[in-house]
N, C-alpha and C. Protein backbone atom coordinates (compact mmCIF):
# COMPACT_ATOMS: atom_id res chain seq x y z
N MET A 1 0.85 -1.18 0.00
CA MET A 1 0.00 0.00 0.00
C MET A 1 0.89 1.24 0.00
N PHE A 2 0.41 2.26 -0.69
CA PHE A 2 1.17 3.50 -0.83
C PHE A 2 0.27 4.69 -0.57
N LEU A 3 0.89 5.77 -0.15
CA LEU A 3 0.17 7.02 0.10
C LEU A 3 0.71 8.08 -0.85
N TYR A 4 -0.16 8.60 -1.68
CA TYR A 4 0.19 9.71 -2.58
C TYR A 4 -0.23 10.99 -1.87
N ASN A 5 0.73 11.83 -1.56
CA ASN A 5 0.48 13.05 -0.81
C ASN A 5 0.74 14.27 -1.70
N VAL A 6 -0.22 15.19 -1.71
CA VAL A 6 -0.06 16.44 -2.43
C VAL A 6 -0.21 17.57 -1.41
N THR A 7 0.87 18.30 -1.19
CA THR A 7 0.85 19.43 -0.28
C THR A 7 0.78 20.71 -1.10
N LEU A 8 -0.20 21.55 -0.79
CA LEU A 8 -0.36 22.83 -1.48
C LEU A 8 -0.25 23.97 -0.49
N ILE A 9 0.56 24.95 -0.83
CA ILE A 9 0.63 26.19 -0.08
C ILE A 9 -0.09 27.23 -0.93
N LEU A 10 -1.21 27.71 -0.41
CA LEU A 10 -2.09 28.59 -1.17
C LEU A 10 -2.00 30.02 -0.69
N ASP A 11 -2.16 30.93 -1.63
CA ASP A 11 -2.38 32.32 -1.27
C ASP A 11 -3.65 32.36 -0.42
N ALA A 12 -3.62 33.10 0.67
CA ALA A 12 -4.76 33.13 1.60
C ALA A 12 -6.05 33.57 0.91
N THR A 13 -5.95 34.39 -0.13
CA THR A 13 -7.15 34.86 -0.82
C THR A 13 -7.80 33.76 -1.67
N ALA A 14 -7.06 32.69 -1.96
CA ALA A 14 -7.59 31.59 -2.78
C ALA A 14 -8.03 30.40 -1.94
N ALA A 15 -7.66 30.36 -0.67
CA ALA A 15 -7.82 29.16 0.15
C ALA A 15 -9.26 28.70 0.29
N GLU A 16 -10.17 29.59 0.56
CA GLU A 16 -11.57 29.19 0.77
C GLU A 16 -12.19 28.63 -0.51
N ASP A 17 -11.97 29.31 -1.62
CA ASP A 17 -12.49 28.84 -2.90
C ASP A 17 -11.86 27.51 -3.28
N TRP A 18 -10.55 27.38 -3.09
CA TRP A 18 -9.85 26.13 -3.40
C TRP A 18 -10.39 24.97 -2.58
N LEU A 19 -10.61 25.19 -1.28
CA LEU A 19 -11.13 24.13 -0.42
C LEU A 19 -12.48 23.64 -0.91
N GLN A 20 -13.35 24.55 -1.26
CA GLN A 20 -14.68 24.16 -1.77
C GLN A 20 -14.54 23.39 -3.08
N TRP A 21 -13.67 23.86 -3.97
CA TRP A 21 -13.44 23.20 -5.25
C TRP A 21 -12.89 21.79 -5.04
N MET A 22 -11.95 21.66 -4.11
CA MET A 22 -11.39 20.33 -3.82
C MET A 22 -12.47 19.37 -3.37
N GLN A 23 -13.30 19.80 -2.44
CA GLN A 23 -14.32 18.92 -1.87
C GLN A 23 -15.42 18.60 -2.87
N ASP A 24 -15.82 19.56 -3.67
CA ASP A 24 -16.95 19.37 -4.59
C ASP A 24 -16.55 18.79 -5.94
N ILE A 25 -15.36 19.13 -6.42
CA ILE A 25 -14.97 18.79 -7.79
C ILE A 25 -13.75 17.87 -7.85
N HIS A 26 -12.61 18.36 -7.37
CA HIS A 26 -11.34 17.69 -7.64
C HIS A 26 -11.23 16.31 -6.97
N ILE A 27 -11.46 16.24 -5.68
CA ILE A 27 -11.33 14.94 -5.01
C ILE A 27 -12.30 13.91 -5.59
N PRO A 28 -13.56 14.26 -5.83
CA PRO A 28 -14.43 13.28 -6.50
C PRO A 28 -13.91 12.84 -7.87
N GLN A 29 -13.30 13.75 -8.62
CA GLN A 29 -12.73 13.37 -9.92
C GLN A 29 -11.57 12.40 -9.74
N VAL A 30 -10.69 12.67 -8.78
CA VAL A 30 -9.56 11.78 -8.53
C VAL A 30 -10.06 10.40 -8.10
N MET A 31 -11.02 10.36 -7.21
CA MET A 31 -11.53 9.08 -6.73
C MET A 31 -12.28 8.33 -7.83
N ALA A 32 -12.90 9.05 -8.74
CA ALA A 32 -13.63 8.42 -9.85
C ALA A 32 -12.70 7.70 -10.82
N THR A 33 -11.40 7.96 -10.77
CA THR A 33 -10.47 7.25 -11.64
C THR A 33 -10.40 5.77 -11.28
N GLY A 34 -10.79 5.42 -10.06
CA GLY A 34 -10.74 4.04 -9.61
C GLY A 34 -9.35 3.57 -9.20
N MET A 35 -8.38 4.46 -9.18
CA MET A 35 -7.01 4.07 -8.85
C MET A 35 -6.74 4.08 -7.35
N PHE A 36 -7.54 4.81 -6.58
CA PHE A 36 -7.31 4.96 -5.15
C PHE A 36 -8.43 4.32 -4.34
N VAL A 37 -8.08 3.84 -3.15
CA VAL A 37 -9.07 3.16 -2.30
C VAL A 37 -9.63 4.08 -1.22
N SER A 38 -8.92 5.16 -0.90
CA SER A 38 -9.44 6.12 0.09
C SER A 38 -8.67 7.42 -0.05
N ASN A 39 -9.18 8.43 0.62
CA ASN A 39 -8.53 9.74 0.59
C ASN A 39 -8.83 10.50 1.88
N ARG A 40 -8.05 11.54 2.10
CA ARG A 40 -8.32 12.47 3.20
C ARG A 40 -7.74 13.82 2.82
N LEU A 41 -8.30 14.85 3.43
CA LEU A 41 -7.85 16.22 3.20
C LEU A 41 -7.54 16.83 4.56
N LEU A 42 -6.32 17.35 4.71
CA LEU A 42 -5.88 17.89 5.98
C LEU A 42 -5.40 19.33 5.83
N LYS A 43 -5.59 20.11 6.88
CA LYS A 43 -5.04 21.46 6.92
C LYS A 43 -3.86 21.46 7.87
N VAL A 44 -2.74 22.00 7.42
CA VAL A 44 -1.54 22.08 8.25
C VAL A 44 -1.71 23.27 9.19
N VAL A 45 -1.67 23.01 10.50
CA VAL A 45 -1.93 24.08 11.47
C VAL A 45 -0.66 24.78 11.94
N ASP A 46 0.49 24.18 11.73
CA ASP A 46 1.74 24.80 12.18
C ASP A 46 2.72 25.03 11.04
N SER A 47 2.21 25.36 9.89
CA SER A 47 3.06 25.57 8.72
C SER A 47 3.93 26.81 8.90
N PRO A 48 5.20 26.72 8.55
CA PRO A 48 6.08 27.89 8.64
C PRO A 48 5.93 28.81 7.42
N ASN A 49 5.10 28.40 6.47
CA ASN A 49 4.96 29.15 5.22
C ASN A 49 3.88 30.22 5.33
N GLU A 50 4.02 31.25 4.51
CA GLU A 50 2.95 32.24 4.39
C GLU A 50 1.82 31.60 3.61
N GLY A 51 0.60 32.06 3.85
CA GLY A 51 -0.54 31.49 3.17
C GLY A 51 -1.14 30.37 3.99
N VAL A 52 -1.89 29.51 3.32
CA VAL A 52 -2.59 28.41 3.96
C VAL A 52 -2.11 27.11 3.32
N THR A 53 -1.79 26.12 4.15
CA THR A 53 -1.23 24.86 3.65
C THR A 53 -2.20 23.71 3.90
N TYR A 54 -2.44 22.93 2.85
CA TYR A 54 -3.28 21.74 2.92
C TYR A 54 -2.52 20.55 2.36
N CYS A 55 -2.89 19.36 2.83
CA CYS A 55 -2.39 18.11 2.26
C CYS A 55 -3.59 17.27 1.83
N SER A 56 -3.60 16.87 0.59
CA SER A 56 -4.59 15.90 0.14
C SER A 56 -3.85 14.59 -0.03
N GLN A 57 -4.41 13.53 0.56
CA GLN A 57 -3.74 12.23 0.57
C GLN A 57 -4.66 11.18 -0.01
N TYR A 58 -4.06 10.31 -0.80
CA TYR A 58 -4.80 9.25 -1.49
C TYR A 58 -4.07 7.93 -1.28
N VAL A 59 -4.80 6.92 -0.86
CA VAL A 59 -4.22 5.59 -0.64
C VAL A 59 -4.40 4.78 -1.92
N VAL A 60 -3.30 4.20 -2.38
CA VAL A 60 -3.30 3.38 -3.59
C VAL A 60 -2.69 2.02 -3.24
N GLU A 61 -3.28 0.96 -3.76
CA GLU A 61 -2.85 -0.39 -3.38
C GLU A 61 -1.56 -0.83 -4.06
N THR A 62 -1.35 -0.44 -5.30
CA THR A 62 -0.19 -0.93 -6.05
C THR A 62 0.52 0.21 -6.79
N LEU A 63 1.79 -0.02 -7.06
CA LEU A 63 2.53 0.95 -7.88
C LEU A 63 1.98 1.02 -9.29
N ASP A 64 1.45 -0.09 -9.79
CA ASP A 64 0.84 -0.08 -11.12
C ASP A 64 -0.33 0.90 -11.18
N ASN A 65 -1.17 0.89 -10.15
CA ASN A 65 -2.31 1.82 -10.12
C ASN A 65 -1.82 3.27 -10.00
N TYR A 66 -0.81 3.49 -9.19
CA TYR A 66 -0.25 4.84 -9.06
C TYR A 66 0.32 5.31 -10.40
N ASN A 67 1.10 4.46 -11.05
CA ASN A 67 1.69 4.83 -12.34
C ASN A 67 0.62 5.07 -13.39
N LYS A 68 -0.41 4.25 -13.40
CA LYS A 68 -1.51 4.45 -14.34
C LYS A 68 -2.18 5.79 -14.08
N TYR A 69 -2.40 6.12 -12.82
CA TYR A 69 -2.99 7.42 -12.48
C TYR A 69 -2.11 8.55 -13.01
N GLN A 70 -0.81 8.47 -12.74
CA GLN A 70 0.11 9.53 -13.16
C GLN A 70 0.15 9.68 -14.69
N GLU A 71 0.09 8.58 -15.39
CA GLU A 71 0.19 8.63 -16.85
C GLU A 71 -1.13 9.00 -17.52
N THR A 72 -2.23 8.48 -17.00
CA THR A 72 -3.52 8.59 -17.68
C THR A 72 -4.37 9.76 -17.19
N PHE A 73 -4.38 10.00 -15.89
CA PHE A 73 -5.33 10.95 -15.32
C PHE A 73 -4.70 12.24 -14.78
N ALA A 74 -3.54 12.14 -14.17
CA ALA A 74 -2.94 13.29 -13.48
C ALA A 74 -2.70 14.51 -14.38
N PRO A 75 -2.22 14.34 -15.60
CA PRO A 75 -1.94 15.54 -16.40
C PRO A 75 -3.15 16.46 -16.57
N ALA A 76 -4.30 15.91 -16.88
CA ALA A 76 -5.50 16.75 -17.08
C ALA A 76 -5.98 17.34 -15.76
N LEU A 77 -5.95 16.54 -14.70
CA LEU A 77 -6.40 17.04 -13.40
C LEU A 77 -5.49 18.13 -12.88
N GLN A 78 -4.19 17.97 -13.05
CA GLN A 78 -3.24 18.99 -12.61
C GLN A 78 -3.34 20.24 -13.48
N ALA A 79 -3.62 20.07 -14.76
CA ALA A 79 -3.78 21.22 -15.64
C ALA A 79 -4.98 22.06 -15.22
N GLU A 80 -6.05 21.39 -14.81
CA GLU A 80 -7.23 22.12 -14.35
C GLU A 80 -6.91 22.94 -13.09
N LEU A 81 -6.19 22.34 -12.16
CA LEU A 81 -5.76 23.05 -10.95
C LEU A 81 -4.89 24.24 -11.32
N ASN A 82 -3.92 24.02 -12.20
CA ASN A 82 -3.00 25.09 -12.60
C ASN A 82 -3.73 26.24 -13.28
N GLU A 83 -4.73 25.91 -14.09
CA GLU A 83 -5.48 26.95 -14.78
C GLU A 83 -6.36 27.74 -13.82
N LYS A 84 -7.03 27.04 -12.93
CA LYS A 84 -7.97 27.68 -12.03
C LYS A 84 -7.28 28.55 -10.98
N TYR A 85 -6.12 28.12 -10.51
CA TYR A 85 -5.43 28.83 -9.42
C TYR A 85 -4.02 29.28 -9.81
N LYS A 86 -3.86 29.63 -11.06
CA LYS A 86 -2.55 30.02 -11.60
C LYS A 86 -1.90 31.10 -10.74
N ASN A 87 -0.63 30.86 -10.40
CA ASN A 87 0.20 31.79 -9.63
C ASN A 87 -0.34 32.06 -8.22
N ARG A 88 -1.20 31.16 -7.71
CA ARG A 88 -1.76 31.36 -6.38
C ARG A 88 -1.44 30.20 -5.44
N PHE A 89 -0.56 29.29 -5.88
CA PHE A 89 -0.21 28.15 -5.04
C PHE A 89 1.13 27.58 -5.46
N VAL A 90 1.70 26.79 -4.55
CA VAL A 90 2.86 25.96 -4.84
C VAL A 90 2.49 24.56 -4.38
N ALA A 91 2.81 23.55 -5.18
CA ALA A 91 2.46 22.17 -4.84
C ALA A 91 3.70 21.31 -4.75
N TYR A 92 3.67 20.40 -3.79
CA TYR A 92 4.72 19.40 -3.61
C TYR A 92 4.03 18.03 -3.58
N ARG A 93 4.51 17.12 -4.38
CA ARG A 93 3.91 15.79 -4.46
C ARG A 93 4.94 14.74 -4.04
N SER A 94 4.45 13.75 -3.30
CA SER A 94 5.35 12.66 -2.89
C SER A 94 4.56 11.36 -2.79
N LEU A 95 5.27 10.26 -2.95
CA LEU A 95 4.70 8.93 -2.82
C LEU A 95 5.42 8.24 -1.67
N MET A 96 4.64 7.71 -0.75
CA MET A 96 5.21 7.03 0.42
C MET A 96 4.65 5.63 0.52
N GLU A 97 5.48 4.73 1.03
CA GLU A 97 5.06 3.34 1.21
C GLU A 97 4.76 3.09 2.68
N PHE A 98 3.63 2.42 2.93
CA PHE A 98 3.29 2.03 4.30
C PHE A 98 4.27 0.94 4.75
N VAL A 99 4.84 1.09 5.94
CA VAL A 99 5.77 0.10 6.45
C VAL A 99 5.26 -0.57 7.72
N ALA A 100 4.26 -0.03 8.33
CA ALA A 100 3.71 -0.65 9.56
C ALA A 100 2.22 -0.41 9.61
C-alpha cells in the first residue's frame, strides 16, 4: 500500500475557494479514476509558510495503479488546478510506502 500526498501552499485569498473546489470537484474526480481506495484532506496548522497549507492524501494499493494514475489521469487534473489557481499556489507531491 502506498500514500500519494499532495501538499499545497495557497495564497490566503484563494484558500476558501480552493477548499470548496477540492471537496466538490477535484477529489471526487480523482476518486472516480478508480485508482485509489481512500482519501483524506488535511489542513496544516503549524506551517512555517505564508498562506494556507493543505495536504490531500490518497491511498493506492499498487505501484501499477499509481503509475496508471500519473500517466492517464494526473496531467489533465493537474492542468485544471493550474489553470484555475494560476500563480496562487505551490504544490509538492510525494509517494510514500506504508511500512507498519
